Protein backbone atom coordinates (compact mmCIF):
# COMPACT_ATOMS: atom_id res chain seq x y z
CA UNK A 1 118.77 89.12 90.76
CA UNK A 2 117.42 91.24 87.73
CA UNK A 3 114.44 88.86 86.97
CA UNK A 4 112.72 89.61 83.32
CA UNK A 5 109.26 88.16 81.82
CA UNK A 6 110.36 87.24 78.11
CA UNK A 7 110.09 85.06 75.21
CA UNK A 8 111.62 81.67 74.78
CA UNK A 9 111.21 80.26 71.06
CA UNK A 10 110.19 76.77 70.12
CA UNK A 11 109.33 75.10 67.06
CA UNK A 12 110.83 74.59 64.12
CA UNK A 13 112.66 77.26 61.19
CA UNK A 14 109.59 79.06 59.79
CA UNK A 15 107.10 78.06 62.35
CA UNK A 16 107.67 79.86 65.49
CA UNK A 17 106.07 79.08 68.64
CA UNK A 18 106.58 80.82 72.01
CA UNK A 19 106.45 80.35 75.84
CA UNK A 20 106.52 83.39 78.08
CA UNK A 21 108.75 82.36 81.14
CA UNK A 22 110.14 84.34 83.70
CA UNK A 23 114.19 84.10 83.81
CA UNK A 24 117.23 85.74 84.97
CA UNK A 25 118.10 88.31 82.93
CA UNK A 26 121.76 87.04 82.20
CA UNK A 27 120.71 83.82 81.05
CA UNK A 28 120.18 82.99 76.92
CA UNK A 29 117.17 83.53 75.14
CA UNK A 30 116.10 79.93 75.15
CA UNK A 31 118.36 79.04 78.31
CA UNK A 32 117.18 78.34 81.80
CA UNK A 33 113.88 79.63 83.20
CA UNK A 34 112.59 80.02 86.24
CA UNK A 35 108.86 79.66 86.12
CA UNK A 36 106.28 79.61 82.73
CA UNK A 37 103.49 82.12 82.79
CA UNK A 38 102.11 81.41 79.44
CA UNK A 39 102.12 80.73 75.73
CA UNK A 40 101.88 82.90 72.36
CA UNK A 41 101.07 81.50 68.94
CA UNK A 42 101.79 84.26 66.01
CA UNK A 43 100.81 81.78 63.42
CA UNK A 44 97.33 81.46 64.09
CA UNK A 45 94.91 83.67 62.83
CA UNK A 46 94.17 85.31 65.01
CA UNK A 47 97.51 84.97 67.14
CA UNK A 48 96.78 82.88 70.35
CA UNK A 49 97.96 83.87 73.55
CA UNK A 50 97.44 81.92 76.83
CA UNK A 51 98.55 83.55 79.95
CA UNK A 52 98.32 82.21 83.66
CA UNK A 53 96.91 85.56 84.77
CA UNK A 54 97.65 84.58 88.64
CA UNK A 55 101.54 84.15 88.11
CA UNK A 56 101.95 86.37 85.71
CA UNK A 57 100.65 89.11 88.56
CA UNK A 58 102.47 87.08 91.32
CA UNK A 59 106.01 87.60 89.26
CA UNK A 60 105.07 91.74 88.44
CA UNK A 61 103.96 91.96 92.23
CA UNK A 62 107.59 90.51 92.93
CA UNK A 63 109.12 93.26 90.88
CA UNK A 64 110.07 90.90 87.35
CA UNK A 65 110.22 93.07 84.39
CA UNK A 66 108.69 92.08 81.41
CA UNK A 67 110.13 92.82 77.50
CA UNK A 68 108.81 95.12 74.92
CA UNK A 69 107.08 92.56 73.46
CA UNK A 70 106.19 90.62 76.42
CA UNK A 71 104.37 93.43 77.88
CA UNK A 72 102.04 94.43 74.84
CA UNK A 73 100.76 90.40 74.55
CA UNK A 74 99.91 91.05 78.51
CA UNK A 75 97.74 94.24 77.55
CA UNK A 76 96.14 92.06 75.17
CA UNK A 77 95.63 89.52 77.22
CA UNK A 78 94.53 91.79 80.24
CA UNK A 79 96.58 91.25 82.70
CA UNK A 80 97.71 94.22 82.67
């Protein structure tokens, strides 16, 4: 099973709020996920990123592949 660390969108129209989750690569964007790793709020100034570093490192160690956007967020938060 290919596992990805990616964003799921929450919030209303024109007010996005994202969760950073670990999910099967075949599941839909806002579908079922395995574990929640953090949150990302792009509307706050500056953007608010909260990541559970322990969980993120654990999943990266197990071979989960972050998407391009999540990789950037993890670098900013200091996990990578």
